[in-house]
Protein backbone atom coordinates (compact mmCIF):
# COMPACT_ATOMS: atom_id res chain seq x y z
CA MET A 1 102.78 92.92 77.34
CA LYS A 2 106.21 95.29 77.12
CA THR A 3 105.28 97.17 74.01
CA TRP A 4 101.70 98.06 75.43
CA ARG A 5 103.59 98.78 78.87
CA ARG A 6 105.77 101.26 77.20
CA ALA A 7 103.74 102.91 75.15
CA ILE A 8 101.08 103.49 77.58
CA HIS A 9 104.26 104.59 79.88
CA GLN A 10 105.39 107.09 77.11
CA HIS A 11 101.70 108.57 76.67
CA PRO A 12 100.86 109.25 80.74
CA GLU A 13 97.13 110.78 80.94
CA LEU A 14 95.85 111.97 84.09
CA GLY A 15 92.61 111.12 85.81
CA PHE A 16 89.40 111.00 83.37
CA ASP A 17 91.68 112.06 80.69
CA GLU A 18 92.89 108.95 79.90
CA PHE A 19 91.40 108.89 76.23
CA GLU A 20 94.34 107.60 74.24
CA THR A 21 94.94 104.85 77.10
CA SER A 22 91.30 103.42 76.87
CA ARG A 23 91.43 103.53 72.84
CA LEU A 24 94.60 101.18 73.14
CA VAL A 25 92.94 98.76 75.97
CA ALA A 26 89.61 99.01 73.70
CA ASP A 27 90.86 97.99 70.45
CA GLN A 28 92.92 95.17 72.25
CA LEU A 29 90.26 93.77 74.29
CA ALA A 30 88.43 93.50 70.68
CA GLN A 31 90.95 91.78 69.17
CA CYS A 32 90.84 89.14 71.97
CA GLY A 33 86.97 88.38 71.49
CA PHE A 34 85.74 90.54 74.21
CA GLU A 35 82.60 92.76 74.09
CA VAL A 36 83.93 96.01 74.87
CA HIS A 37 81.66 98.82 76.54
CA ALA A 38 83.80 101.98 76.82
CA GLY A 39 82.94 105.50 78.19
CA ILE A 40 82.17 104.65 81.55
CA ALA A 41 83.02 107.23 84.14
CA THR A 42 84.26 108.84 81.16
CA THR A 43 87.33 106.75 80.28
CA GLY A 44 86.52 103.45 81.89
CA VAL A 45 86.79 100.20 79.81
CA VAL A 46 84.94 97.14 80.71
CA GLY A 47 85.64 93.87 78.47
CA THR A 48 82.95 91.06 79.10
CA LEU A 49 83.36 87.28 77.85
CA SER A 50 80.76 84.87 78.67
CA TRP A 51 80.56 80.98 77.83
CA GLY A 52 78.54 78.05 78.41
CA GLU A 53 75.34 76.78 76.68
CA ASP A 54 73.52 79.04 78.46
CA GLY A 55 75.91 82.18 77.83
CA GLY A 56 77.34 82.26 80.75
CA LYS A 57 74.04 83.30 82.94
CA GLY A 58 74.06 80.27 85.30
CA GLY A 59 77.71 80.41 86.00
CA PRO A 60 79.90 82.28 88.44
CA ARG A 61 80.89 85.99 87.29
CA LEU A 62 84.50 87.26 88.02
CA GLY A 63 85.65 90.51 88.02
CA LEU A 64 89.06 91.70 87.40
CA ARG A 65 90.02 95.32 87.89
CA ALA A 66 93.34 97.58 86.59
CA ASP A 67 94.09 100.94 86.96
CA MET A 68 94.96 103.28 83.80
CA ASP A 69 95.64 106.90 85.26
CA ALA A 70 99.17 108.72 85.58
CA LEU A 71 100.69 111.15 87.95
CA PRO A 72 101.26 114.97 87.82
CA ILE A 73 104.70 114.25 88.13
CA HIS A 74 107.76 115.35 85.45
CA GLU A 75 109.57 112.11 85.20
CA GLU A 76 113.81 111.98 85.59
CA THR A 77 114.41 108.30 84.59
CA GLY A 78 115.76 108.81 81.54
CA LEU A 79 114.71 105.62 80.09
CA PRO A 80 114.11 105.66 76.45
CA TRP A 81 110.46 105.11 76.92
CA ALA A 82 110.13 107.79 79.19
CA SER A 83 107.19 109.94 79.06
CA ARG A 84 106.54 112.43 76.37
CA ASN A 85 103.83 114.05 77.83
CA HIS A 86 105.72 117.30 80.08
CA GLY A 87 104.64 117.23 83.99
CA LYS A 88 102.63 113.80 83.36
CA MET A 89 104.34 110.26 84.43
CA HIS A 90 103.28 106.82 85.36
CA ALA A 91 105.10 107.07 88.72
CA CYS A 92 102.72 104.26 90.03
CA GLY A 93 102.89 101.64 87.89
CA HIS A 94 99.47 101.75 86.36
CA ASP A 95 100.90 101.26 82.80
CA GLY A 96 102.07 98.01 83.86
CA HIS A 97 98.84 96.93 86.10
CA THR A 98 97.12 98.14 82.49
CA ALA A 99 99.52 95.80 80.40
CA ILE A 100 99.30 93.00 83.13
CA LEU A 101 95.32 92.51 82.76
CA LEU A 102 95.57 93.11 78.95
CA GLY A 103 98.00 90.07 78.50
CA ALA A 104 95.76 88.04 80.50
CA ALA A 105 92.97 88.94 78.42
CA GLN A 106 94.86 87.69 75.38
CA MET A 107 95.13 84.36 76.82
CA PHE A 108 91.37 84.34 78.02
CA GLY A 109 90.22 84.92 74.58
CA ARG A 110 92.76 82.06 73.29
CA LEU A 111 91.05 79.80 75.65
CA HIS A 112 87.60 80.99 74.61
CA ARG A 113 88.60 80.42 70.78
CA GLU A 114 89.64 76.88 71.78
CA ALA A 115 86.53 76.27 73.75
CA ARG A 116 88.87 75.58 76.88
CA LEU A 117 87.14 77.69 79.57
CA PRO A 118 85.59 75.15 82.13
CA GLY A 119 82.09 75.12 82.62
CA SER A 120 79.77 78.09 82.01
CA GLY A 121 80.39 81.68 83.29
CA THR A 122 81.12 85.32 82.71
CA LEU A 123 84.50 87.33 82.69
CA ASN A 124 84.39 90.86 83.36
CA LEU A 125 87.89 92.87 82.63
CA ILE A 126 87.66 96.36 84.52
CA PHE A 127 89.84 99.35 83.35
CA GLN A 128 89.42 102.05 85.95
CA PRO A 129 90.31 105.89 85.45
CA ALA A 130 91.46 108.30 88.10
CA GLU A 131 92.42 105.89 90.84
CA GLU A 132 94.96 109.04 92.21
CA LEU A 133 92.23 111.52 92.34
CA GLY A 134 91.27 110.94 96.35
CA GLY A 135 87.98 110.58 97.30
CA GLY A 136 85.82 111.58 94.24
CA GLY A 137 88.19 108.78 92.28
CA GLY A 138 87.41 106.54 89.36
CA ALA A 139 86.36 103.51 91.03
CA LYS A 140 83.56 105.72 92.95
CA ARG A 141 82.29 107.26 89.49
CA MET A 142 82.01 103.89 87.72
CA LEU A 143 79.99 102.41 90.79
CA GLU A 144 77.59 105.54 90.67
CA GLU A 145 77.33 104.83 87.00
CA GLY A 146 76.04 101.47 87.40
CA LEU A 147 79.24 99.63 87.07
CA LEU A 148 77.92 96.19 89.29
CA GLU A 149 74.68 96.69 87.82
CA ARG A 150 75.64 96.53 83.96
CA PHE A 151 78.34 93.96 84.76
CA PRO A 152 77.22 91.78 87.87
CA CYS A 153 80.33 89.93 89.91
CA ASP A 154 80.32 87.40 92.37
CA ALA A 155 83.82 88.19 93.32
CA ILE A 156 86.30 91.10 92.04
CA PHE A 157 90.10 91.23 92.41
CA ALA A 158 92.92 93.77 91.80
CA LEU A 159 96.80 94.25 92.34
CA HIS A 160 99.41 96.71 92.71
CA ASN A 161 103.22 96.40 92.04
CA TYR A 162 105.26 96.83 95.31
CA PRO A 163 108.54 98.13 94.71
CA GLY A 164 111.49 96.57 97.19
CA VAL A 165 109.68 93.22 96.89
CA PRO A 166 111.28 90.54 94.52
CA THR A 167 109.60 90.34 90.99
CA GLY A 168 107.40 87.08 90.77
CA HIS A 169 106.83 87.42 94.77
CA PHE A 170 102.75 88.08 95.70
CA ARG A 171 101.53 89.57 99.01
CA PHE A 172 98.16 88.71 100.50
CA ARG A 173 95.78 89.73 103.53
CA PRO A 174 92.72 88.93 104.93
CA GLY A 175 90.63 91.61 106.36
CA PRO A 176 91.67 95.26 106.36
CA PHE A 177 94.92 95.43 104.24
CA MET A 178 95.24 99.29 103.28
CA ALA A 179 94.15 102.23 105.51
CA SER A 180 91.23 105.02 105.01
CA SER A 181 92.31 108.51 103.45
CA ASP A 182 90.12 111.35 104.85
CA LYS A 183 91.27 115.20 104.23
CA VAL A 184 90.61 117.93 106.70
CA LEU A 185 90.93 121.76 106.10
CA ILE A 186 90.60 123.58 109.56
CA ARG A 187 90.08 127.24 109.61
CA PHE A 188 90.69 129.33 113.00
CA ASP A 189 88.89 133.05 112.03
CA GLY A 190 90.19 135.79 114.21
CA LYS A 191 91.04 139.55 114.09
CA GLY A 192 93.95 141.10 112.41
CA GLY A 193 96.14 143.35 113.92
CA HIS A 194 99.36 145.04 114.15
CA GLY A 195 102.35 142.91 115.47
CA ALA A 196 103.38 145.04 118.09
CA LEU A 197 99.70 145.63 119.41
CA PRO A 198 98.52 141.94 119.86
CA HIS A 199 95.96 142.98 122.91
CA MET A 200 94.08 144.65 120.20
CA ALA A 201 93.73 141.94 117.60
CA ILE A 202 92.68 138.06 118.35
CA ASP A 203 95.53 136.12 117.01
CA PRO A 204 94.46 132.96 115.37
CA THR A 205 98.07 131.59 114.81
CA LEU A 206 97.49 130.49 119.12
CA PRO A 207 94.96 127.86 118.75
CA ALA A 208 96.62 126.56 115.12
CA ALA A 209 99.80 125.86 116.80
CA ALA A 210 98.29 124.76 119.98
CA THR A 211 95.97 122.30 117.52
CA VAL A 212 99.17 120.96 115.77
CA LEU A 213 100.63 119.85 119.00
CA ALA A 214 97.35 118.44 120.68
CA LEU A 215 96.44 116.07 117.51
CA GLN A 216 99.54 114.20 118.19
CA THR A 217 97.83 113.24 121.63
CA ILE A 218 94.94 111.65 119.59
CA VAL A 219 97.10 108.29 118.84
CA GLY A 220 97.97 106.38 122.23
CA ARG A 221 95.40 108.79 124.19
CA SER A 222 92.10 108.77 122.47
CA VAL A 223 93.21 105.59 120.11
CA ASP A 224 94.35 102.16 121.08
CA PRO A 225 98.37 102.27 120.43
CA VAL A 226 98.07 99.05 118.90
CA GLU A 227 95.59 100.45 116.43
CA MET A 228 97.38 101.89 113.20
CA ALA A 229 96.16 105.80 113.01
CA VAL A 230 97.98 108.63 111.40
CA VAL A 231 96.98 112.18 111.88
CA SER A 232 99.67 114.25 110.02
CA VAL A 233 99.56 117.98 109.17
CA GLY A 234 100.54 118.77 105.52
CA ARG A 235 99.86 122.44 105.48
CA MET A 236 100.19 125.32 107.90
CA SER A 237 99.11 128.71 106.56
CA ALA A 238 98.81 132.50 108.17
CA GLY A 239 99.80 135.73 107.30
CA LYS A 240 102.07 137.20 104.54
CA THR A 241 104.70 139.42 106.72
CA TYR A 242 106.12 139.35 109.99
CA ASN A 243 104.36 142.59 111.72
CA VAL A 244 100.87 142.03 111.02
CA ILE A 245 98.50 139.45 113.17
CA PRO A 246 96.48 137.82 110.12
CA GLU A 247 92.82 137.70 110.31
CA THR A 248 93.05 133.84 109.85
CA ALA A 249 95.05 130.75 110.00
CA GLU A 250 94.63 127.08 108.18
CA LEU A 251 95.50 123.79 108.94
CA GLU A 252 95.42 120.52 105.99
CA LEU A 253 95.54 117.73 107.28
CA SER A 254 95.88 113.80 105.95
CA VAL A 255 94.11 111.09 108.46
CA ARG A 256 94.22 107.63 108.19
CA ALA A 257 93.14 104.58 109.81
CA LEU A 258 92.73 100.49 109.29
CA ARG A 259 89.56 100.01 111.10
CA PRO A 260 86.38 102.11 110.36
CA GLU A 261 85.40 102.80 113.98
CA VAL A 262 88.96 104.01 114.49
CA ARG A 263 88.44 106.25 111.36
CA ASP A 264 85.26 107.46 113.32
CA ARG A 265 86.98 108.21 116.44
CA LEU A 266 89.71 110.18 114.60
CA GLU A 267 87.07 112.33 113.17
CA GLN A 268 85.28 112.84 116.30
CA ARG A 269 88.57 113.65 118.18
CA ILE A 270 90.17 115.76 115.91
CA CYS A 271 86.83 117.95 115.45
CA GLU A 272 86.70 118.13 119.50
CA LEU A 273 90.16 119.28 119.72
CA ALA A 274 90.16 122.01 116.91
CA ARG A 275 86.91 123.76 118.37
CA GLY A 276 88.24 123.51 121.89
CA GLN A 277 91.14 125.16 120.90
CA ALA A 278 89.44 127.73 119.05
CA ALA A 279 87.08 128.44 122.20
CA ALA A 280 89.89 128.77 124.64
CA HIS A 281 91.55 131.63 122.39
CA GLY A 282 88.30 133.62 121.60
CA VAL A 283 88.44 132.99 117.81
CA GLY A 284 85.95 131.29 115.21
CA CYS A 285 86.71 127.61 113.83
CA ASP A 286 85.32 126.26 110.63
CA ILE A 287 86.01 122.41 109.75
CA ARG A 288 85.47 120.74 106.16
CA TYR A 289 86.00 116.96 106.92
CA GLU A 290 86.12 115.15 103.75
CA ARG A 291 86.14 111.51 103.91
CA GLY A 292 88.09 109.91 100.93
CA TYR A 293 88.70 106.49 100.35
CA PRO A 294 87.47 103.92 102.95
CA VAL A 295 89.30 101.09 104.56
CA LEU A 296 90.38 98.30 102.19
CA ILE A 297 89.19 95.12 103.60
CA ASN A 298 89.80 91.88 101.59
CA SER A 299 87.37 88.87 102.06
CA ALA A 300 88.79 85.85 104.02
CA GLU A 301 87.61 83.58 101.78
CA TYR A 302 88.88 85.16 98.46
CA ALA A 303 92.20 86.16 99.93
CA ARG A 304 92.74 82.58 100.71
CA LEU A 305 91.75 81.75 97.31
CA ALA A 306 94.26 83.67 95.68
CA THR A 307 97.03 82.98 98.06
CA ASP A 308 96.55 79.05 97.22
CA VAL A 309 96.75 79.95 93.51
CA ALA A 310 100.05 81.97 93.76
CA ARG A 311 101.44 79.58 95.92
CA GLU A 312 100.90 76.54 93.00
CA LEU A 313 101.85 79.12 90.33
CA VAL A 314 105.33 80.20 91.85
CA GLY A 315 105.97 77.96 95.25
CA ASP A 316 105.32 78.79 98.86
CA GLU A 317 108.84 80.67 99.60
CA LYS A 318 107.47 83.54 96.92
CA VAL A 319 104.03 83.95 98.74
CA ASP A 320 103.04 85.85 101.92
CA GLY A 321 99.65 85.18 103.02
CA ASN A 322 99.70 87.28 106.18
CA ALA A 323 101.48 90.45 104.69
CA ALA A 324 101.53 93.49 106.97
CA PRO A 325 98.85 95.81 106.05
CA LEU A 326 99.63 99.45 104.75
CA SER A 327 99.00 102.96 105.67
CA GLY A 328 98.50 103.97 101.91
CA SER A 329 95.05 103.92 100.37
CA GLU A 330 93.28 102.72 97.50
CA ASP A 331 89.94 103.26 95.88
CA PHE A 332 89.52 99.80 94.89
CA ALA A 333 87.98 99.84 98.59
CA PHE A 334 84.82 101.26 97.23
CA MET A 335 84.07 98.19 94.96
CA LEU A 336 85.13 95.72 97.76
CA GLN A 337 82.44 97.52 99.89
CA GLN A 338 79.78 96.06 97.43
CA VAL A 339 81.40 92.63 96.31
CA PRO A 340 83.59 90.59 98.29
CA GLY A 341 87.06 89.90 97.06
CA CYS A 342 90.84 90.46 97.34
CA TYR A 343 93.69 93.14 96.57
CA LEU A 344 96.95 92.21 96.46
CA LEU A 345 100.47 93.04 95.93
CA ILE A 346 102.87 91.78 93.10
CA GLY A 347 106.87 92.66 93.52
CA ASN A 348 108.65 95.14 91.56
CA GLY A 349 111.87 94.65 92.79
CA ASP A 350 114.61 96.95 91.68
CA ASN A 351 112.67 99.38 89.65
CA GLY A 352 114.66 103.24 90.07
CA PHE A 353 116.56 105.07 87.33
CA ALA A 354 118.29 108.17 87.11
CA GLY A 355 119.84 109.35 83.38
CA GLY A 356 119.22 105.37 82.07
CA GLU A 357 121.24 104.35 85.10
CA HIS A 358 119.85 101.86 87.41
CA LEU A 359 119.39 103.41 90.97
CA GLY A 360 117.78 100.02 92.87
CA PRO A 361 114.33 100.06 94.75
CA CYS A 362 112.36 103.05 94.32
CA SER A 363 109.00 104.29 95.76
CA VAL A 364 106.08 104.69 93.91
CA HIS A 365 105.00 108.64 93.23
CA ASN A 366 108.75 109.22 92.86
CA PRO A 367 110.30 111.00 89.64
CA HIS A 368 113.19 108.10 89.59
CA TYR A 369 110.31 105.30 89.24
CA ASP A 370 109.48 102.92 86.68
CA PHE A 371 107.21 99.67 86.59
CA ASN A 372 109.52 96.42 86.38
CA ASP A 373 108.60 94.52 82.92
CA ALA A 374 109.57 91.48 84.87
CA CYS A 375 106.14 91.77 86.64
CA LEU A 376 104.14 91.35 83.24
CA ALA A 377 104.41 87.75 83.11
CA PRO A 378 104.04 86.57 86.75
CA GLY A 379 100.91 89.02 87.10
CA ALA A 380 99.13 87.92 84.01
CA ALA A 381 100.03 84.25 84.75
CA PHE A 382 98.64 84.71 88.04
CA TRP A 383 95.07 86.21 86.71
CA VAL A 384 94.82 83.39 84.30
CA ALA A 385 95.55 80.77 87.19
CA LEU A 386 92.85 82.49 89.60
CA ALA A 387 90.24 82.56 86.70
CA ASN A 388 90.87 79.16 85.99
CA ARG A 389 90.50 78.26 89.92
CA PHE A 390 87.50 80.51 90.14
CA PHE A 391 85.59 78.91 87.13
CA GLY A 392 86.43 75.33 88.59
CA SER A 393 89.06 74.36 86.49
C-alpha cells in the first residue's frame, strides 16, 4: 500500500484527468480477481467481486468508495516522493484513500480465492475521479452515467483522513456530518462616471458594500443561532483605478449549511438582501446562485454498524461515534442521497513537512501536507472488517 500510495503521490492528476492513476487501479484490481469496469465518468473505475452459488445475485451488495484526484497546488514538503507534476499535488490524501481501498481489495481477492467469503454477495469498489471540482464533481457524473444502475448497492461507505487526530482513531456521526456548499455571484450594475462627479453616476460599490455587511445579519437573525450556517464573501471586485466610478461591482460568496432547510433559507435571504440593497441604491442586480454539494447525511443504522466494527477492531478509546459535524463539503453526499450508508474519518496524525523536516499536524489543501502512511493498515483493516460484518461473518 505504501508503494502504491507514494507512486500515486509522485504523479498527481487533477479531476477527470486521472488516467495514470486509474490504470494503476484497474491493473491492481484485475490482479486481485475483480471484474474491472473503467472509463466511468472518463477516469472512474469500479471493481466488482461476486460469490455464492447464485453468483451473488441473492446476497447483499456493498459499495466502498475512494477518491483519486489531486489539487492545483505546488507541493513544498521536500519529501523523496513529492509531486513530480509541477503545480499539482495530492494535498487532500486521495492518494492514501486509493491505496487503502486497493489494500482491502487485495485481501478480498485472497479471501475469495480461498472460498472464505461468507454466504453470497457482491462487493463494488468504486474509485471516483474529480471529488475536488465542486458542484460538477465526479460522484455526480458517475451517478449520471448509471453507476448505481450498473452496480447496485444496498449500502455504501467512504472514508477520509483527518489531520490532527491520532492515526488509528476513527470518527463517525449519524445524520448530517458535512455541510452543503454553494457558490453565489452577485453583480450590481450601475452607471460609470468621474470620481469627482458622483452625482452624475450611479455607484454600484455602495450596494455591494452594504450587502457585505447585511449578509452577516443572516446567521443569528434569519437563521437560528444554534444552527450551523456560513456566509463568506471570498471576492469583492469593482473598478480599475481610483478616480473612476465603475459600471459594475461583484461579490462572490461561499455558502454552507448542515440542514437542507437552512440551505434553502440562506438562499432566500441572500437574494432578498442583495436585491433590496440594489433597489435602495437604484442599480440593477444579477444573481447567479449555483448549488454545489448537498448536505452529507449518514444513515443512523449504518453509522452505528460502522462504529461497532471500528470499536471491535481498535477499541472504544480510539472511536468517537458522535463526532462533531464539519463545515467542509464532500460529493459523496450525492451517493448517500440515493443509497444509505456512512462517511467516516480516520486520524491522519502529525502529517506536515517542509524540506523533508517534520512540522506536526497540517491541514489538507496545504502545500506542506502529506498523507500519513500509518493510516494505511488500519484503514484497509477497517474496510475488510466492515465487509465481513456486512456480509454476515
